[in-house]
Amino acid sequence: MNTKILENLGKNIKKYRIDSSLTQEQLAEKVGVHPTYIGKLEGGKNNPSTTMVFKITRALKITLPQIFDFDKK
């Protein structure tokens, strides 16, 4: 996946995680990964699978279009 896409995806994951009042550890527990994985995702360093993106959106109670909306200011 393109580096800029991964960075924007990571920013959105972090934004919605914070909006949901979750720590990285809490989100990691909800989706079944180690907290460092969430940290790397938020930093744009990991390329998540489609399944993982779906799990994250479910855990954050958002839609797939929301997590991929990179045009919001």
PDB file of N, CA and C in Angstrom:
ATOM      1  N   MET A   1       0.857  -1.171   0.000  1.00  0.00           N
ATOM      2  CA  MET A   1       0.000   0.000   0.000  1.00  0.00           C
ATOM      3  C   MET A   1       0.908   1.240   0.000  1.00  0.00           C
ATOM      4  N   ASN A   2       0.472   2.261  -0.641  1.00  0.00           N
ATOM      5  CA  ASN A   2       1.186   3.524  -0.724  1.00  0.00           C
ATOM      6  C   ASN A   2       1.469   4.086   0.676  1.00  0.00           C
ATOM      7  N   THR A   3       2.671   4.614   0.882  1.00  0.00           N
ATOM      8  CA  THR A   3       3.070   5.138   2.187  1.00  0.00           C
ATOM      9  C   THR A   3       2.144   6.235   2.679  1.00  0.00           C
ATOM     10  N   LYS A   4       1.733   7.132   1.801  1.00  0.00           N
ATOM     11  CA  LYS A   4       0.835   8.231   2.198  1.00  0.00           C
ATOM     12  C   LYS A   4      -0.524   7.682   2.644  1.00  0.00           C
ATOM     13  N   ILE A   5      -0.998   6.666   1.972  1.00  0.00           N
ATOM     14  CA  ILE A   5      -2.267   6.041   2.362  1.00  0.00           C
ATOM     15  C   ILE A   5      -2.133   5.434   3.758  1.00  0.00           C
ATOM     16  N   LEU A   6      -1.024   4.739   4.015  1.00  0.00           N
ATOM     17  CA  LEU A   6      -0.814   4.143   5.331  1.00  0.00           C
ATOM     18  C   LEU A   6      -0.737   5.209   6.417  1.00  0.00           C
ATOM     19  N   GLU A   7      -0.073   6.326   6.116  1.00  0.00           N
ATOM     20  CA  GLU A   7       0.006   7.416   7.089  1.00  0.00           C
ATOM     21  C   GLU A   7      -1.369   8.008   7.378  1.00  0.00           C
ATOM     22  N   ASN A   8      -2.156   8.237   6.331  1.00  0.00           N
ATOM     23  CA  ASN A   8      -3.505   8.794   6.517  1.00  0.00           C
ATOM     24  C   ASN A   8      -4.413   7.811   7.245  1.00  0.00           C
ATOM     25  N   LEU A   9      -4.296   6.534   6.907  1.00  0.00           N
ATOM     26  CA  LEU A   9      -5.087   5.512   7.593  1.00  0.00           C
ATOM     27  C   LEU A   9      -4.726   5.497   9.079  1.00  0.00           C
ATOM     28  N   GLY A  10      -3.433   5.556   9.372  1.00  0.00           N
ATOM     29  CA  GLY A  10      -2.977   5.571  10.759  1.00  0.00           C
ATOM     30  C   GLY A  10      -3.499   6.773  11.525  1.00  0.00           C
ATOM     31  N   LYS A  11      -3.478   7.934  10.888  1.00  0.00           N
ATOM     32  CA  LYS A  11      -4.004   9.147  11.528  1.00  0.00           C
ATOM     33  C   LYS A  11      -5.486   8.994  11.846  1.00  0.00           C
ATOM     34  N   ASN A  12      -6.231   8.404  10.902  1.00  0.00           N
ATOM     35  CA  ASN A  12      -7.665   8.211  11.145  1.00  0.00           C
ATOM     36  C   ASN A  12      -7.917   7.201  12.254  1.00  0.00           C
ATOM     37  N   ILE A  13      -7.147   6.126  12.276  1.00  0.00           N
ATOM     38  CA  ILE A  13      -7.303   5.141  13.352  1.00  0.00           C
ATOM     39  C   ILE A  13      -7.071   5.825  14.699  1.00  0.00           C
ATOM     40  N   LYS A  14      -6.007   6.609  14.789  1.00  0.00           N
ATOM     41  CA  LYS A  14      -5.703   7.299  16.046  1.00  0.00           C
ATOM     42  C   LYS A  14      -6.816   8.269  16.422  1.00  0.00           C
ATOM     43  N   LYS A  15      -7.280   9.056  15.459  1.00  0.00           N
ATOM     44  CA  LYS A  15      -8.334  10.025  15.723  1.00  0.00           C
ATOM     45  C   LYS A  15      -9.586   9.347  16.275  1.00  0.00           C
ATOM     46  N   TYR A  16     -10.039   8.296  15.582  1.00  0.00           N
ATOM     47  CA  TYR A  16     -11.261   7.623  16.019  1.00  0.00           C
ATOM     48  C   TYR A  16     -11.053   6.850  17.317  1.00  0.00           C
ATOM     49  N   ARG A  17      -9.841   6.342  17.543  1.00  0.00           N
ATOM     50  CA  ARG A  17      -9.554   5.665  18.811  1.00  0.00           C
ATOM     51  C   ARG A  17      -9.664   6.664  19.959  1.00  0.00           C
ATOM     52  N   ILE A  18      -9.068   7.829  19.781  1.00  0.00           N
ATOM     53  CA  ILE A  18      -9.136   8.863  20.819  1.00  0.00           C
ATOM     54  C   ILE A  18     -10.568   9.350  21.000  1.00  0.00           C
ATOM     55  N   ASP A  19     -11.282   9.543  19.885  1.00  0.00           N
ATOM     56  CA  ASP A  19     -12.689   9.946  19.964  1.00  0.00           C
ATOM     57  C   ASP A  19     -13.526   8.927  20.734  1.00  0.00           C
ATOM     58  N   SER A  20     -13.108   7.658  20.664  1.00  0.00           N
ATOM     59  CA  SER A  20     -13.821   6.577  21.363  1.00  0.00           C
ATOM     60  C   SER A  20     -13.327   6.393  22.793  1.00  0.00           C
ATOM     61  N   SER A  21     -12.403   7.248  23.230  1.00  0.00           N
ATOM     62  CA  SER A  21     -11.831   7.175  24.582  1.00  0.00           C
ATOM     63  C   SER A  21     -11.171   5.834  24.867  1.00  0.00           C
ATOM     64  N   LEU A  22     -10.484   5.307  23.852  1.00  0.00           N
ATOM     65  CA  LEU A  22      -9.771   4.038  24.009  1.00  0.00           C
ATOM     66  C   LEU A  22      -8.268   4.287  23.978  1.00  0.00           C
ATOM     67  N   THR A  23      -7.537   3.507  24.768  1.00  0.00           N
ATOM     68  CA  THR A  23      -6.089   3.508  24.677  1.00  0.00           C
ATOM     69  C   THR A  23      -5.682   2.552  23.558  1.00  0.00           C
ATOM     70  N   GLN A  24      -4.417   2.609  23.185  1.00  0.00           N
ATOM     71  CA  GLN A  24      -3.929   1.645  22.196  1.00  0.00           C
ATOM     72  C   GLN A  24      -4.084   0.223  22.735  1.00  0.00           C
ATOM     73  N   GLU A  25      -3.847   0.061  24.017  1.00  0.00           N
ATOM     74  CA  GLU A  25      -3.969  -1.261  24.636  1.00  0.00           C
ATOM     75  C   GLU A  25      -5.407  -1.778  24.568  1.00  0.00           C
ATOM     76  N   GLN A  26      -6.367  -0.903  24.828  1.00  0.00           N
ATOM     77  CA  GLN A  26      -7.769  -1.317  24.798  1.00  0.00           C
ATOM     78  C   GLN A  26      -8.205  -1.674  23.383  1.00  0.00           C
ATOM     79  N   LEU A  27      -7.804  -0.871  22.402  1.00  0.00           N
ATOM     80  CA  LEU A  27      -8.151  -1.197  21.015  1.00  0.00           C
ATOM     81  C   LEU A  27      -7.490  -2.505  20.604  1.00  0.00           C
ATOM     82  N   ALA A  28      -6.237  -2.679  20.983  1.00  0.00           N
ATOM     83  CA  ALA A  28      -5.521  -3.913  20.648  1.00  0.00           C
ATOM     84  C   ALA A  28      -6.243  -5.137  21.205  1.00  0.00           C
ATOM     85  N   GLU A  29      -6.703  -5.031  22.435  1.00  0.00           N
ATOM     86  CA  GLU A  29      -7.427  -6.142  23.051  1.00  0.00           C
ATOM     87  C   GLU A  29      -8.718  -6.441  22.297  1.00  0.00           C
ATOM     88  N   LYS A  30      -9.421  -5.396  21.881  1.00  0.00           N
ATOM     89  CA  LYS A  30     -10.686  -5.590  21.172  1.00  0.00           C
ATOM     90  C   LYS A  30     -10.497  -6.291  19.820  1.00  0.00           C
ATOM     91  N   VAL A  31      -9.366  -6.029  19.157  1.00  0.00           N
ATOM     92  CA  VAL A  31      -9.160  -6.616  17.821  1.00  0.00           C
ATOM     93  C   VAL A  31      -8.212  -7.802  17.828  1.00  0.00           C
ATOM     94  N   GLY A  32      -7.663  -8.130  19.010  1.00  0.00           N
ATOM     95  CA  GLY A  32      -6.850  -9.337  19.144  1.00  0.00           C
ATOM     96  C   GLY A  32      -5.417  -9.215  18.644  1.00  0.00           C
ATOM     97  N   VAL A  33      -4.804  -8.054  18.873  1.00  0.00           N
ATOM     98  CA  VAL A  33      -3.408  -7.864  18.485  1.00  0.00           C
ATOM     99  C   VAL A  33      -2.638  -7.269  19.660  1.00  0.00           C
ATOM    100  N   HIS A  34      -1.335  -7.185  19.515  1.00  0.00           N
ATOM    101  CA  HIS A  34      -0.482  -6.573  20.536  1.00  0.00           C
ATOM    102  C   HIS A  34      -0.562  -5.052  20.408  1.00  0.00           C
ATOM    103  N   PRO A  35      -0.501  -4.333  21.517  1.00  0.00           N
ATOM    104  CA  PRO A  35      -0.580  -2.869  21.458  1.00  0.00           C
ATOM    105  C   PRO A  35       0.466  -2.217  20.551  1.00  0.00           C
ATOM    106  N   THR A  36       1.639  -2.821  20.434  1.00  0.00           N
ATOM    107  CA  THR A  36       2.653  -2.233  19.552  1.00  0.00           C
ATOM    108  C   THR A  36       2.201  -2.262  18.097  1.00  0.00           C
ATOM    109  N   TYR A  37       1.381  -3.240  17.739  1.00  0.00           N
ATOM    110  CA  TYR A  37       0.840  -3.295  16.378  1.00  0.00           C
ATOM    111  C   TYR A  37      -0.040  -2.081  16.114  1.00  0.00           C
ATOM    112  N   ILE A  38      -0.869  -1.723  17.084  1.00  0.00           N
ATOM    113  CA  ILE A  38      -1.729  -0.543  16.945  1.00  0.00           C
ATOM    114  C   ILE A  38      -0.861   0.710  16.823  1.00  0.00           C
ATOM    115  N   GLY A  39       0.178   0.799  17.635  1.00  0.00           N
ATOM    116  CA  GLY A  39       1.083   1.937  17.563  1.00  0.00           C
ATOM    117  C   GLY A  39       1.738   2.075  16.193  1.00  0.00           C
ATOM    118  N   LYS A  40       2.145   0.950  15.634  1.00  0.00           N
ATOM    119  CA  LYS A  40       2.753   0.969  14.300  1.00  0.00           C
ATOM    120  C   LYS A  40       1.728   1.320  13.228  1.00  0.00           C
ATOM    121  N   LEU A  41       0.494   0.847  13.394  1.00  0.00           N
ATOM    122  CA  LEU A  41      -0.566   1.220  12.453  1.00  0.00           C
ATOM    123  C   LEU A  41      -0.790   2.724  12.488  1.00  0.00           C
ATOM    124  N   GLU A  42      -0.907   3.261  13.685  1.00  0.00           N
ATOM    125  CA  GLU A  42      -1.157   4.693  13.833  1.00  0.00           C
ATOM    126  C   GLU A  42       0.006   5.525  13.304  1.00  0.00           C
ATOM    127  N   GLY A  43       1.194   4.965  13.315  1.00  0.00           N
ATOM    128  CA  GLY A  43       2.363   5.659  12.794  1.00  0.00           C
ATOM    129  C   GLY A  43       2.575   5.462  11.302  1.00  0.00           C
ATOM    130  N   GLY A  44       1.671   4.708  10.667  1.00  0.00           N
ATOM    131  CA  GLY A  44       1.780   4.469   9.235  1.00  0.00           C
ATOM    132  C   GLY A  44       2.858   3.474   8.860  1.00  0.00           C
ATOM    133  N   LYS A  45       3.280   2.638   9.820  1.00  0.00           N
ATOM    134  CA  LYS A  45       4.372   1.688   9.588  1.00  0.00           C
ATOM    135  C   LYS A  45       3.900   0.287   9.213  1.00  0.00           C
ATOM    136  N   ASN A  46       2.676  -0.067   9.571  1.00  0.00           N
ATOM    137  CA  ASN A  46       2.146  -1.399   9.265  1.00  0.00           C
ATOM    138  C   ASN A  46       1.073  -1.303   8.192  1.00  0.00           C
ATOM    139  N   ASN A  47       1.011  -2.327   7.375  1.00  0.00           N
ATOM    140  CA  ASN A  47       0.016  -2.435   6.316  1.00  0.00           C
ATOM    141  C   ASN A  47      -1.027  -3.471   6.756  1.00  0.00           C
ATOM    142  N   PRO A  48      -2.160  -3.025   7.291  1.00  0.00           N
ATOM    143  CA  PRO A  48      -3.137  -3.973   7.830  1.00  0.00           C
ATOM    144  C   PRO A  48      -3.883  -4.727   6.734  1.00  0.00           C
ATOM    145  N   SER A  49      -4.282  -5.927   7.077  1.00  0.00           N
ATOM    146  CA  SER A  49      -5.113  -6.710   6.162  1.00  0.00           C
ATOM    147  C   SER A  49      -6.514  -6.116   6.117  1.00  0.00           C
ATOM    148  N   THR A  50      -7.264  -6.505   5.127  1.00  0.00           N
ATOM    149  CA  THR A  50      -8.656  -6.069   5.015  1.00  0.00           C
ATOM    150  C   THR A  50      -9.439  -6.502   6.249  1.00  0.00           C
ATOM    151  N   THR A  51      -9.181  -7.706   6.701  1.00  0.00           N
ATOM    152  CA  THR A  51      -9.857  -8.220   7.889  1.00  0.00           C
ATOM    153  C   THR A  51      -9.540  -7.371   9.108  1.00  0.00           C
ATOM    154  N   MET A  52      -8.286  -6.976   9.250  1.00  0.00           N
ATOM    155  CA  MET A  52      -7.902  -6.155  10.401  1.00  0.00           C
ATOM    156  C   MET A  52      -8.559  -4.779  10.339  1.00  0.00           C
ATOM    157  N   VAL A  53      -8.605  -4.177   9.156  1.00  0.00           N
ATOM    158  CA  VAL A  53      -9.272  -2.873   9.021  1.00  0.00           C
ATOM    159  C   VAL A  53     -10.743  -3.015   9.412  1.00  0.00           C
ATOM    160  N   PHE A  54     -11.376  -4.088   8.987  1.00  0.00           N
ATOM    161  CA  PHE A  54     -12.778  -4.321   9.334  1.00  0.00           C
ATOM    162  C   PHE A  54     -12.932  -4.462  10.854  1.00  0.00           C
ATOM    163  N   LYS A  55     -12.047  -5.230  11.491  1.00  0.00           N
ATOM    164  CA  LYS A  55     -12.117  -5.403  12.947  1.00  0.00           C
ATOM    165  C   LYS A  55     -11.951  -4.063  13.663  1.00  0.00           C
ATOM    166  N   ILE A  56     -11.040  -3.252  13.177  1.00  0.00           N
ATOM    167  CA  ILE A  56     -10.796  -1.956  13.799  1.00  0.00           C
ATOM    168  C   ILE A  56     -12.023  -1.057  13.661  1.00  0.00           C
ATOM    169  N   THR A  57     -12.610  -1.022  12.480  1.00  0.00           N
ATOM    170  CA  THR A  57     -13.797  -0.181  12.306  1.00  0.00           C
ATOM    171  C   THR A  57     -14.935  -0.655  13.206  1.00  0.00           C
ATOM    172  N   ARG A  58     -15.079  -1.951  13.344  1.00  0.00           N
ATOM    173  CA  ARG A  58     -16.127  -2.478  14.240  1.00  0.00           C
ATOM    174  C   ARG A  58     -15.842  -2.092  15.690  1.00  0.00           C
ATOM    175  N   ALA A  59     -14.596  -2.214  16.108  1.00  0.00           N
ATOM    176  CA  ALA A  59     -14.222  -1.877  17.481  1.00  0.00           C
ATOM    177  C   ALA A  59     -14.415  -0.389  17.766  1.00  0.00           C
ATOM    178  N   LEU A  60     -14.180   0.444  16.753  1.00  0.00           N
ATOM    179  CA  LEU A  60     -14.312   1.888  16.925  1.00  0.00           C
ATOM    180  C   LEU A  60     -15.725   2.391  16.613  1.00  0.00           C
ATOM    181  N   LYS A  61     -16.583   1.468  16.171  1.00  0.00           N
ATOM    182  CA  LYS A  61     -17.976   1.792  15.834  1.00  0.00           C
ATOM    183  C   LYS A  61     -18.062   2.873  14.759  1.00  0.00           C
ATOM    184  N   ILE A  62     -17.257   2.666  13.714  1.00  0.00           N
ATOM    185  CA  ILE A  62     -17.275   3.549  12.556  1.00  0.00           C
ATOM    186  C   ILE A  62     -17.419   2.697  11.302  1.00  0.00           C
ATOM    187  N   THR A  63     -17.619   3.352  10.166  1.00  0.00           N
ATOM    188  CA  THR A  63     -17.773   2.637   8.906  1.00  0.00           C
ATOM    189  C   THR A  63     -16.445   2.597   8.150  1.00  0.00           C
ATOM    190  N   LEU A  64     -16.368   1.699   7.189  1.00  0.00           N
ATOM    191  CA  LEU A  64     -15.176   1.638   6.337  1.00  0.00           C
ATOM    192  C   LEU A  64     -14.956   2.955   5.593  1.00  0.00           C
ATOM    193  N   PRO A  65     -16.008   3.571   5.026  1.00  0.00           N
ATOM    194  CA  PRO A  65     -15.766   4.865   4.368  1.00  0.00           C
ATOM    195  C   PRO A  65     -15.190   5.921   5.318  1.00  0.00           C
ATOM    196  N   GLN A  66     -15.597   5.897   6.576  1.00  0.00           N
ATOM    197  CA  GLN A  66     -15.069   6.879   7.525  1.00  0.00           C
ATOM    198  C   GLN A  66     -13.568   6.705   7.728  1.00  0.00           C
ATOM    199  N   ILE A  67     -13.130   5.484   7.866  1.00  0.00           N
ATOM    200  CA  ILE A  67     -11.707   5.260   8.150  1.00  0.00           C
ATOM    201  C   ILE A  67     -10.827   5.598   6.941  1.00  0.00           C
ATOM    202  N   PHE A  68     -11.440   5.545   5.739  1.00  0.00           N
ATOM    203  CA  PHE A  68     -10.696   5.871   4.524  1.00  0.00           C
ATOM    204  C   PHE A  68     -10.995   7.268   3.993  1.00  0.00           C
ATOM    205  N   ASP A  69     -11.653   8.088   4.803  1.00  0.00           N
ATOM    206  CA  ASP A  69     -11.939   9.473   4.382  1.00  0.00           C
ATOM    207  C   ASP A  69     -10.716  10.325   4.733  1.00  0.00           C
ATOM    208  N   PHE A  70      -9.847  10.510   3.763  1.00  0.00           N
ATOM    209  CA  PHE A  70      -8.619  11.255   3.969  1.00  0.00           C
ATOM    210  C   PHE A  70      -8.749  12.728   3.583  1.00  0.00           C
ATOM    211  N   ASP A  71      -9.890  13.141   3.116  1.00  0.00           N
ATOM    212  CA  ASP A  71     -10.083  14.508   2.640  1.00  0.00           C
ATOM    213  C   ASP A  71     -10.606  15.463   3.690  1.00  0.00           C
ATOM    214  N   LYS A  72     -11.010  14.951   4.841  1.00  0.00           N
ATOM    215  CA  LYS A  72     -11.541  15.850   5.871  1.00  0.00           C
ATOM    216  C   LYS A  72     -10.417  16.701   6.431  1.00  0.00           C
ATOM    217  N   LYS A  73     -10.766  17.883   6.815  1.00  0.00           N
ATOM    218  CA  LYS A  73      -9.757  18.837   7.298  1.00  0.00           C
ATOM    219  C   LYS A  73      -9.615  18.740   8.796  1.00  0.00           C
TER     220      LYS A  73
END
